[in-house]
Structures are given as structure tokens and as C-alpha cells.
């Protein structure tokens, strides 16, 4: 708590929110590395979500992430080399290539969901259930309902 009755300066709020995000993501990736996914980076989670269960094209992936087709292609190449995604012919149009998650990619998402739950449980234990519930309700109140803003990588990298 701040001793200043006016509270902390306004710029501290986004920094604290970003630091909380960073703590969670760093904890997630440390645990993913221990569980056999040492090469994953925060950006990859956005990529996996943008690919989705049915797969997508490089052009659509770039659009969803807010990055160029070339940037999406580089991400696909590196994730394909690491065994997280594969390219396959689109059953609806053989001229198009779909990018799909492999079993390894899906495994990383399943593990991530479990780890996020454990991290949340740890925060609940530290803050208390009532404060955690209030924190989550407050964040829902001040943020858009759509959780799946996948264009954050492009937004961060944009000019």
C-alpha cells in the first residue's frame, strides 16, 4: 500500500499489470521447460492459439497475430523444426497449405492449461480466495470481454 493518500502515480498501474503478466508467464515457461518443452517462448502461445484446432494458413496466421505473412512464415518454420506444428494440404483446396499443431504442440497447450491453474491456485493461496476473486472480477470489469486478442504480438511490435 502506498503512504500517499492520492495513491501511486498512474504510470505504475500498467507496469504492475505487465509485471504480474511477466511473473505468470516466466513461471509457466520455467515449468514447461522442466516438463520437456524448453524451447517455447511467450510468443508461441499466441501462435498456437491463432492456429486453433482446425489449423490455418500462413496468411491468416499473420492476420490473426497482427504480423506480416513473412513474420508468420518464420514462426511457422521455427516451430515446424521444433516439432510443434506441421504443414499439410488443405482438404478443401489442395493448392493451400494448412498449418496445424502436432501432438507435441497440443501437449504443450494441455500442460500450459494445467500449469496456469496451479499458478492461479498459488496466487489464491497467497492472496486469499476472496481477494483473488475480487481481483479477477475487477479485471473483468475494466477489460474487454473478448479474452482472445491474439494481435498482441503485432501490437507490441507495431510502430
N, C-alpha and C. Protein backbone atom coordinates (compact mmCIF):
# COMPACT_ATOMS: atom_id res chain seq x y z
N UNK A 1 0.83 -1.19 0.00
CA UNK A 1 0.00 0.00 0.00
C UNK A 1 0.88 1.25 0.00
N UNK A 2 0.41 2.23 -0.70
CA UNK A 2 1.13 3.50 -0.75
C UNK A 2 0.79 4.35 0.48
N UNK A 3 1.77 5.07 0.99
CA UNK A 3 1.52 6.01 2.08
C UNK A 3 0.89 7.30 1.58
N UNK A 4 0.97 7.53 0.30
CA UNK A 4 0.41 8.72 -0.33
C UNK A 4 -1.11 8.56 -0.43
N UNK A 5 -1.89 9.49 0.20
CA UNK A 5 -3.35 9.34 0.14
C UNK A 5 -3.89 9.40 -1.29
N UNK A 6 -3.16 10.02 -2.20
CA UNK A 6 -3.58 10.08 -3.60
C UNK A 6 -3.29 8.78 -4.32
N UNK A 7 -2.51 7.92 -3.70
CA UNK A 7 -2.16 6.65 -4.33
C UNK A 7 -0.90 6.78 -5.17
N UNK A 8 -0.48 5.67 -5.73
CA UNK A 8 0.74 5.70 -6.55
C UNK A 8 0.48 6.46 -7.85
N UNK A 9 1.54 6.87 -8.51
CA UNK A 9 1.36 7.58 -9.79
C UNK A 9 0.69 6.66 -10.82
N UNK A 10 -0.05 7.25 -11.74
CA UNK A 10 -0.82 6.50 -12.73
C UNK A 10 0.01 5.54 -13.56
N UNK A 11 1.26 5.90 -13.86
CA UNK A 11 2.08 5.03 -14.71
C UNK A 11 2.41 3.71 -14.04
N UNK A 12 2.26 3.63 -12.71
CA UNK A 12 2.60 2.39 -12.02
C UNK A 12 1.61 1.26 -12.35
N UNK A 13 0.35 1.60 -12.58
CA UNK A 13 -0.67 0.58 -12.83
C UNK A 13 -0.32 -0.30 -14.03
N UNK A 14 -0.05 0.27 -15.22
CA UNK A 14 0.28 -0.64 -16.33
C UNK A 14 1.57 -1.41 -16.09
N UNK A 15 2.51 -0.80 -15.40
CA UNK A 15 3.76 -1.52 -15.12
C UNK A 15 3.51 -2.69 -14.18
N UNK A 16 2.70 -2.50 -13.15
CA UNK A 16 2.37 -3.59 -12.22
C UNK A 16 1.59 -4.70 -12.92
N UNK A 17 0.63 -4.31 -13.78
CA UNK A 17 -0.12 -5.32 -14.53
C UNK A 17 0.80 -6.10 -15.45
N UNK A 18 1.71 -5.40 -16.12
CA UNK A 18 2.64 -6.08 -17.00
C UNK A 18 3.58 -6.98 -16.20
N UNK A 19 4.05 -6.51 -15.04
CA UNK A 19 4.93 -7.33 -14.21
C UNK A 19 4.21 -8.58 -13.73
N UNK A 20 2.94 -8.45 -13.38
CA UNK A 20 2.16 -9.63 -12.96
C UNK A 20 2.07 -10.62 -14.11
N UNK A 21 1.79 -10.13 -15.31
CA UNK A 21 1.75 -10.98 -16.50
C UNK A 21 3.10 -11.66 -16.68
N UNK A 22 4.17 -10.90 -16.55
CA UNK A 22 5.52 -11.43 -16.75
C UNK A 22 5.85 -12.51 -15.72
N UNK A 23 5.48 -12.30 -14.47
CA UNK A 23 5.72 -13.30 -13.43
C UNK A 23 5.01 -14.61 -13.78
N UNK A 24 3.75 -14.50 -14.18
CA UNK A 24 2.98 -15.69 -14.54
C UNK A 24 3.61 -16.40 -15.72
N UNK A 25 3.94 -15.66 -16.77
CA UNK A 25 4.49 -16.26 -17.99
C UNK A 25 5.88 -16.85 -17.73
N UNK A 26 6.70 -16.17 -16.94
CA UNK A 26 8.01 -16.73 -16.61
C UNK A 26 7.87 -18.03 -15.82
N UNK A 27 6.95 -18.07 -14.85
CA UNK A 27 6.70 -19.30 -14.09
C UNK A 27 6.21 -20.42 -15.01
N UNK A 28 5.30 -20.07 -15.90
CA UNK A 28 4.78 -21.05 -16.86
C UNK A 28 5.91 -21.65 -17.69
N UNK A 29 6.76 -20.81 -18.26
CA UNK A 29 7.79 -21.31 -19.16
C UNK A 29 8.89 -22.07 -18.42
N UNK A 30 9.15 -21.70 -17.19
CA UNK A 30 10.11 -22.48 -16.40
C UNK A 30 9.57 -23.89 -16.18
N UNK A 31 8.29 -23.99 -15.86
CA UNK A 31 7.70 -25.31 -15.63
C UNK A 31 7.57 -26.08 -16.94
N UNK A 32 7.19 -25.42 -18.04
CA UNK A 32 7.14 -26.11 -19.34
C UNK A 32 8.51 -26.67 -19.70
N UNK A 33 9.56 -25.92 -19.44
CA UNK A 33 10.92 -26.40 -19.73
C UNK A 33 11.20 -27.67 -18.91
N UNK A 34 10.81 -27.67 -17.64
CA UNK A 34 11.02 -28.86 -16.80
C UNK A 34 10.22 -30.05 -17.31
N UNK A 35 9.09 -29.78 -17.97
CA UNK A 35 8.23 -30.85 -18.45
C UNK A 35 8.50 -31.23 -19.91
N UNK A 36 9.63 -30.79 -20.46
CA UNK A 36 10.02 -31.25 -21.79
C UNK A 36 9.80 -30.28 -22.93
N UNK A 37 9.49 -29.04 -22.62
CA UNK A 37 9.28 -28.03 -23.67
C UNK A 37 10.18 -26.82 -23.42
N UNK A 38 11.51 -27.03 -23.45
CA UNK A 38 12.43 -25.95 -23.08
C UNK A 38 12.54 -24.82 -24.11
N UNK A 39 12.18 -25.07 -25.35
CA UNK A 39 12.37 -24.05 -26.37
C UNK A 39 11.19 -23.11 -26.57
N UNK A 40 10.10 -23.34 -25.87
CA UNK A 40 8.93 -22.49 -26.06
C UNK A 40 9.15 -21.11 -25.48
N UNK A 41 8.59 -20.12 -26.16
CA UNK A 41 8.67 -18.73 -25.75
C UNK A 41 7.26 -18.17 -25.63
N UNK A 42 7.09 -17.05 -24.93
CA UNK A 42 5.75 -16.48 -24.78
C UNK A 42 5.01 -16.27 -26.10
N UNK A 43 5.69 -15.86 -27.12
CA UNK A 43 5.07 -15.65 -28.43
C UNK A 43 4.41 -16.93 -28.96
N UNK A 44 4.99 -18.06 -28.65
CA UNK A 44 4.48 -19.32 -29.19
C UNK A 44 3.07 -19.63 -28.72
N UNK A 45 2.73 -19.24 -27.50
CA UNK A 45 1.37 -19.44 -27.01
C UNK A 45 0.35 -18.70 -27.87
N UNK A 46 0.70 -17.47 -28.25
CA UNK A 46 -0.18 -16.70 -29.13
C UNK A 46 -0.30 -17.40 -30.49
N UNK A 47 0.82 -17.90 -30.99
CA UNK A 47 0.81 -18.59 -32.29
C UNK A 47 -0.07 -19.83 -32.22
N UNK A 48 0.09 -20.63 -31.19
CA UNK A 48 -0.70 -21.86 -31.06
C UNK A 48 -2.19 -21.55 -30.98
N UNK A 49 -2.55 -20.53 -30.23
CA UNK A 49 -3.97 -20.15 -30.13
C UNK A 49 -4.49 -19.65 -31.47
N UNK A 50 -3.66 -18.90 -32.20
CA UNK A 50 -4.07 -18.38 -33.51
C UNK A 50 -4.20 -19.48 -34.55
N UNK A 51 -3.42 -20.53 -34.42
CA UNK A 51 -3.54 -21.67 -35.34
C UNK A 51 -4.86 -22.37 -35.10
N UNK A 52 -5.22 -22.55 -33.84
CA UNK A 52 -6.50 -23.15 -33.50
C UNK A 52 -6.55 -24.64 -33.78
N UNK A 53 -7.66 -25.26 -33.39
CA UNK A 53 -7.77 -26.72 -33.52
C UNK A 53 -7.88 -27.21 -34.96
N UNK A 54 -8.37 -26.37 -35.85
CA UNK A 54 -8.54 -26.79 -37.24
C UNK A 54 -7.40 -26.42 -38.16
N UNK A 55 -6.43 -25.69 -37.64
CA UNK A 55 -5.33 -25.24 -38.48
C UNK A 55 -5.67 -23.94 -39.19
N UNK A 56 -4.68 -23.36 -39.83
CA UNK A 56 -4.86 -22.11 -40.55
C UNK A 56 -3.76 -21.96 -41.59
N UNK A 57 -3.87 -20.97 -42.43
CA UNK A 57 -2.82 -20.70 -43.41
C UNK A 57 -1.85 -19.68 -42.83
N UNK A 58 -0.69 -19.54 -43.46
CA UNK A 58 0.30 -18.56 -43.01
C UNK A 58 -0.26 -17.15 -43.12
N UNK A 59 -1.01 -16.88 -44.19
CA UNK A 59 -1.59 -15.55 -44.38
C UNK A 59 -2.57 -15.24 -43.25
N UNK A 60 -3.45 -16.19 -42.96
CA UNK A 60 -4.44 -15.99 -41.90
C UNK A 60 -3.77 -15.91 -40.54
N UNK A 61 -2.73 -16.69 -40.32
CA UNK A 61 -2.00 -16.64 -39.06
C UNK A 61 -1.42 -15.25 -38.86
N UNK A 62 -0.79 -14.72 -39.89
CA UNK A 62 -0.24 -13.36 -39.81
C UNK A 62 -1.32 -12.33 -39.49
N UNK A 63 -2.47 -12.47 -40.15
CA UNK A 63 -3.58 -11.53 -39.92
C UNK A 63 -4.06 -11.61 -38.47
N UNK A 64 -4.23 -12.83 -37.96
CA UNK A 64 -4.71 -13.00 -36.58
C UNK A 64 -3.74 -12.44 -35.56
N UNK A 65 -2.44 -12.58 -35.84
CA UNK A 65 -1.41 -12.11 -34.90
C UNK A 65 -1.06 -10.64 -35.09
N UNK A 66 -1.50 -10.05 -36.21
CA UNK A 66 -1.15 -8.67 -36.49
C UNK A 66 0.28 -8.52 -36.95
N UNK A 67 0.81 -9.56 -37.63
CA UNK A 67 2.17 -9.51 -38.16
C UNK A 67 2.12 -9.81 -39.66
N UNK A 68 3.23 -9.61 -40.34
CA UNK A 68 3.27 -9.86 -41.78
C UNK A 68 3.24 -11.36 -42.07
N UNK A 69 2.91 -11.68 -43.31
CA UNK A 69 2.94 -13.08 -43.74
C UNK A 69 4.36 -13.63 -43.59
N UNK A 70 5.35 -12.81 -43.87
CA UNK A 70 6.74 -13.24 -43.77
C UNK A 70 7.10 -13.56 -42.31
N UNK A 71 6.67 -12.71 -41.38
CA UNK A 71 6.95 -12.96 -39.96
C UNK A 71 6.24 -14.24 -39.52
N UNK A 72 5.01 -14.42 -39.96
CA UNK A 72 4.28 -15.64 -39.62
C UNK A 72 5.00 -16.85 -40.20
N UNK A 73 5.49 -16.73 -41.42
CA UNK A 73 6.22 -17.82 -42.06
C UNK A 73 7.47 -18.21 -41.28
N UNK A 74 8.19 -17.23 -40.77
CA UNK A 74 9.39 -17.52 -39.97
C UNK A 74 9.02 -18.26 -38.69
N UNK A 75 7.93 -17.82 -38.05
CA UNK A 75 7.48 -18.50 -36.83
C UNK A 75 7.10 -19.95 -37.14
N UNK A 76 6.38 -20.14 -38.24
CA UNK A 76 5.97 -21.48 -38.63
C UNK A 76 7.19 -22.36 -38.89
N UNK A 77 8.17 -21.81 -39.62
CA UNK A 77 9.38 -22.58 -39.91
C UNK A 77 10.08 -23.04 -38.63
N UNK A 78 10.25 -22.12 -37.67
CA UNK A 78 10.98 -22.50 -36.46
C UNK A 78 10.16 -23.48 -35.62
N UNK A 79 8.85 -23.30 -35.55
CA UNK A 79 8.02 -24.23 -34.78
C UNK A 79 7.91 -25.59 -35.47
N UNK A 80 7.98 -25.60 -36.79
CA UNK A 80 7.97 -26.87 -37.52
C UNK A 80 9.27 -27.63 -37.25
N UNK A 81 10.40 -26.93 -37.26
CA UNK A 81 11.69 -27.58 -36.96
C UNK A 81 11.70 -28.15 -35.55
N UNK A 82 11.02 -27.48 -34.61
CA UNK A 82 10.97 -27.94 -33.22
C UNK A 82 9.90 -29.01 -32.99
N UNK A 83 9.10 -29.32 -34.01
CA UNK A 83 8.11 -30.38 -33.90
C UNK A 83 6.77 -29.98 -33.33
N UNK A 84 6.50 -28.67 -33.26
CA UNK A 84 5.24 -28.20 -32.67
C UNK A 84 4.12 -28.02 -33.69
N UNK A 85 4.48 -27.75 -34.94
CA UNK A 85 3.48 -27.58 -35.99
C UNK A 85 3.91 -28.37 -37.22
N UNK A 86 2.94 -28.59 -38.10
CA UNK A 86 3.23 -29.24 -39.38
C UNK A 86 2.43 -28.53 -40.46
N UNK A 87 2.93 -28.63 -41.69
CA UNK A 87 2.20 -28.12 -42.84
C UNK A 87 1.56 -29.31 -43.55
N UNK A 88 0.32 -29.11 -43.99
CA UNK A 88 -0.40 -30.17 -44.69
C UNK A 88 -1.30 -29.54 -45.73
N UNK A 89 -1.65 -30.31 -46.74
CA UNK A 89 -2.57 -29.83 -47.76
C UNK A 89 -3.94 -29.58 -47.13
N UNK A 90 -4.58 -28.51 -47.58
CA UNK A 90 -5.93 -28.19 -47.12
C UNK A 90 -6.90 -29.13 -47.82
N UNK A 91 -7.69 -29.92 -47.08
CA UNK A 91 -8.62 -30.85 -47.73
C UNK A 91 -9.66 -30.14 -48.60
N UNK A 92 -9.93 -28.87 -48.31
CA UNK A 92 -10.91 -28.12 -49.09
C UNK A 92 -10.30 -27.49 -50.33
N UNK A 93 -8.97 -27.34 -50.37
CA UNK A 93 -8.30 -26.69 -51.51
C UNK A 93 -6.85 -27.15 -51.52
N UNK A 94 -6.52 -28.10 -52.37
CA UNK A 94 -5.18 -28.71 -52.39
C UNK A 94 -4.07 -27.70 -52.71
N UNK A 95 -4.43 -26.54 -53.24
CA UNK A 95 -3.41 -25.52 -53.55
C UNK A 95 -2.94 -24.80 -52.28
N UNK A 96 -3.75 -24.86 -51.24
CA UNK A 96 -3.41 -24.17 -49.99
C UNK A 96 -2.74 -25.13 -49.01
N UNK A 97 -1.85 -24.58 -48.22
CA UNK A 97 -1.21 -25.35 -47.15
C UNK A 97 -1.77 -24.86 -45.81
N UNK A 98 -2.18 -25.82 -45.00
CA UNK A 98 -2.62 -25.51 -43.65
C UNK A 98 -1.47 -25.74 -42.67
N UNK A 99 -1.43 -24.93 -41.67
CA UNK A 99 -0.50 -25.14 -40.55
C UNK A 99 -1.35 -25.69 -39.42
N UNK A 100 -0.90 -26.82 -38.88
CA UNK A 100 -1.64 -27.47 -37.79
C UNK A 100 -0.69 -27.78 -36.64
N UNK A 101 -1.27 -27.85 -35.46
CA UNK A 101 -0.49 -28.28 -34.30
C UNK A 101 -0.23 -29.78 -34.40
N UNK A 102 0.96 -30.19 -34.01
CA UNK A 102 1.26 -31.61 -33.90
C UNK A 102 0.86 -32.08 -32.50
N UNK A 103 1.05 -33.35 -32.24
CA UNK A 103 0.78 -33.87 -30.89
C UNK A 103 1.65 -33.15 -29.87
N UNK A 104 2.89 -32.81 -30.23
CA UNK A 104 3.78 -32.08 -29.32
C UNK A 104 3.23 -30.68 -29.04
N UNK A 105 2.71 -30.02 -30.06
CA UNK A 105 2.10 -28.70 -29.86
C UNK A 105 0.89 -28.77 -28.96
N UNK A 106 0.04 -29.76 -29.19
CA UNK A 106 -1.15 -29.93 -28.36
C UNK A 106 -0.75 -30.26 -26.93
N UNK A 107 0.27 -31.10 -26.76
CA UNK A 107 0.74 -31.45 -25.42
C UNK A 107 1.19 -30.19 -24.67
N UNK A 108 1.87 -29.29 -25.34
CA UNK A 108 2.32 -28.07 -24.67
C UNK A 108 1.14 -27.22 -24.22
N UNK A 109 0.06 -27.20 -25.00
CA UNK A 109 -1.13 -26.43 -24.61
C UNK A 109 -1.84 -27.07 -23.42
N UNK A 110 -1.95 -28.39 -23.42
CA UNK A 110 -2.58 -29.10 -22.29
C UNK A 110 -1.78 -28.85 -21.02
N UNK A 111 -0.46 -28.99 -21.12
CA UNK A 111 0.39 -28.75 -19.95
C UNK A 111 0.29 -27.29 -19.50
N UNK A 112 0.25 -26.36 -20.45
CA UNK A 112 0.13 -24.93 -20.11
C UNK A 112 -1.14 -24.67 -19.31
N UNK A 113 -2.26 -25.23 -19.75
CA UNK A 113 -3.53 -25.03 -19.04
C UNK A 113 -3.42 -25.54 -17.60
N UNK A 114 -2.81 -26.70 -17.42
CA UNK A 114 -2.64 -27.26 -16.07
C UNK A 114 -1.72 -26.37 -15.22
N UNK A 115 -0.66 -25.88 -15.83
CA UNK A 115 0.29 -25.04 -15.10
C UNK A 115 -0.37 -23.71 -14.73
N UNK A 116 -1.12 -23.11 -15.66
CA UNK A 116 -1.82 -21.86 -15.34
C UNK A 116 -2.76 -22.05 -14.15
N UNK A 117 -3.45 -23.19 -14.10
CA UNK A 117 -4.33 -23.47 -12.97
C UNK A 117 -3.53 -23.54 -11.66
N UNK A 118 -2.37 -24.19 -11.70
CA UNK A 118 -1.54 -24.28 -10.49
C UNK A 118 -1.01 -22.91 -10.07
N UNK A 119 -0.63 -22.10 -11.06
CA UNK A 119 -0.15 -20.74 -10.73
C UNK A 119 -1.28 -19.94 -10.09
N UNK A 120 -2.48 -20.02 -10.66
CA UNK A 120 -3.63 -19.31 -10.09
C UNK A 120 -3.90 -19.81 -8.67
N UNK A 121 -3.82 -21.12 -8.48
CA UNK A 121 -4.02 -21.68 -7.13
C UNK A 121 -2.99 -21.11 -6.15
N UNK A 122 -1.76 -20.97 -6.60
CA UNK A 122 -0.72 -20.39 -5.75
C UNK A 122 -1.01 -18.94 -5.39
N UNK A 123 -1.49 -18.18 -6.36
CA UNK A 123 -1.87 -16.79 -6.09
C UNK A 123 -3.03 -16.75 -5.10
N UNK A 124 -4.00 -17.66 -5.28
CA UNK A 124 -5.15 -17.71 -4.39
C UNK A 124 -4.71 -18.03 -2.97
N UNK A 125 -3.77 -18.95 -2.85
CA UNK A 125 -3.25 -19.29 -1.53
C UNK A 125 -2.54 -18.09 -0.90
N UNK A 126 -1.81 -17.36 -1.70
CA UNK A 126 -1.05 -16.21 -1.19
C UNK A 126 -1.95 -15.02 -0.85
N UNK A 127 -2.93 -14.73 -1.71
CA UNK A 127 -3.78 -13.56 -1.53
C UNK A 127 -5.05 -13.84 -0.74
N UNK A 128 -5.48 -15.09 -0.76
CA UNK A 128 -6.77 -15.46 -0.17
C UNK A 128 -7.82 -15.53 -1.27
N UNK A 129 -8.77 -16.42 -1.09
CA UNK A 129 -9.79 -16.66 -2.12
C UNK A 129 -10.63 -15.43 -2.40
N UNK A 130 -11.02 -14.68 -1.36
CA UNK A 130 -11.86 -13.50 -1.56
C UNK A 130 -11.13 -12.43 -2.35
N UNK A 131 -9.88 -12.18 -2.01
CA UNK A 131 -9.11 -11.15 -2.72
C UNK A 131 -8.83 -11.58 -4.16
N UNK A 132 -8.56 -12.86 -4.37
CA UNK A 132 -8.31 -13.34 -5.73
C UNK A 132 -9.56 -13.20 -6.58
N UNK A 133 -10.69 -13.59 -6.01
CA UNK A 133 -11.96 -13.47 -6.73
C UNK A 133 -12.24 -11.99 -7.05
N UNK A 134 -11.99 -11.10 -6.09
CA UNK A 134 -12.19 -9.66 -6.30
C UNK A 134 -11.24 -9.13 -7.38
N UNK A 135 -10.00 -9.57 -7.34
CA UNK A 135 -9.03 -9.15 -8.36
C UNK A 135 -9.51 -9.55 -9.75
N UNK A 136 -9.93 -10.78 -9.90
CA UNK A 136 -10.39 -11.27 -11.20
C UNK A 136 -11.66 -10.54 -11.64
N UNK A 137 -12.58 -10.30 -10.71
CA UNK A 137 -13.81 -9.57 -11.05
C UNK A 137 -13.48 -8.14 -11.46
N UNK A 138 -12.56 -7.50 -10.75
CA UNK A 138 -12.17 -6.14 -11.11
C UNK A 138 -11.51 -6.09 -12.48
N UNK A 139 -10.67 -7.04 -12.77
CA UNK A 139 -10.03 -7.06 -14.08
C UNK A 139 -11.05 -7.30 -15.19
N UNK A 140 -12.04 -8.15 -14.93
CA UNK A 140 -13.12 -8.35 -15.92
C UNK A 140 -13.90 -7.06 -16.15
N UNK A 141 -14.06 -6.29 -15.09
CA UNK A 141 -14.82 -5.03 -15.17
C UNK A 141 -14.12 -4.00 -16.06
N UNK A 142 -12.80 -3.97 -16.03
CA UNK A 142 -12.07 -2.90 -16.74
C UNK A 142 -11.44 -3.36 -18.05
N UNK A 143 -11.65 -4.61 -18.43
CA UNK A 143 -11.08 -5.10 -19.70
C UNK A 143 -12.21 -5.58 -20.61
N UNK A 144 -11.93 -5.63 -21.92
CA UNK A 144 -12.95 -6.13 -22.85
C UNK A 144 -13.30 -7.59 -22.56
N UNK A 145 -14.51 -7.96 -22.91
CA UNK A 145 -14.99 -9.33 -22.66
C UNK A 145 -14.21 -10.36 -23.47
N UNK A 146 -13.73 -9.98 -24.65
CA UNK A 146 -13.02 -10.91 -25.52
C UNK A 146 -11.61 -11.16 -24.99
N UNK A 147 -11.39 -12.35 -24.43
CA UNK A 147 -10.06 -12.71 -23.91
C UNK A 147 -9.05 -12.96 -25.02
N UNK A 148 -9.51 -13.32 -26.19
CA UNK A 148 -8.63 -13.85 -27.21
C UNK A 148 -8.14 -12.80 -28.19
N UNK A 149 -7.52 -11.74 -27.67
CA UNK A 149 -6.87 -10.75 -28.51
C UNK A 149 -5.50 -11.31 -28.88
N UNK A 150 -5.43 -11.92 -30.03
CA UNK A 150 -4.19 -12.57 -30.44
C UNK A 150 -3.24 -11.62 -31.16
N UNK A 151 -3.69 -10.41 -31.44
CA UNK A 151 -2.86 -9.48 -32.19
C UNK A 151 -1.85 -8.75 -31.31
N UNK A 152 -1.71 -9.17 -30.06
CA UNK A 152 -0.79 -8.51 -29.15
C UNK A 152 0.65 -8.53 -29.69
N UNK A 153 1.13 -9.63 -30.29
CA UNK A 153 2.49 -9.59 -30.82
C UNK A 153 2.68 -8.48 -31.86
N UNK A 154 1.71 -8.32 -32.76
CA UNK A 154 1.81 -7.25 -33.74
C UNK A 154 1.67 -5.89 -33.11
N UNK A 155 0.82 -5.78 -32.09
CA UNK A 155 0.63 -4.52 -31.38
C UNK A 155 1.92 -4.11 -30.68
N UNK A 156 2.58 -5.05 -30.01
CA UNK A 156 3.85 -4.76 -29.33
C UNK A 156 4.92 -4.34 -30.33
N UNK A 157 4.94 -5.01 -31.48
CA UNK A 157 5.98 -4.74 -32.46
C UNK A 157 5.65 -3.62 -33.42
N UNK A 158 4.41 -3.13 -33.37
CA UNK A 158 3.97 -2.09 -34.31
C UNK A 158 4.63 -0.75 -34.04
N UNK A 159 4.55 0.09 -35.06
CA UNK A 159 5.13 1.43 -34.91
C UNK A 159 4.06 2.47 -34.75
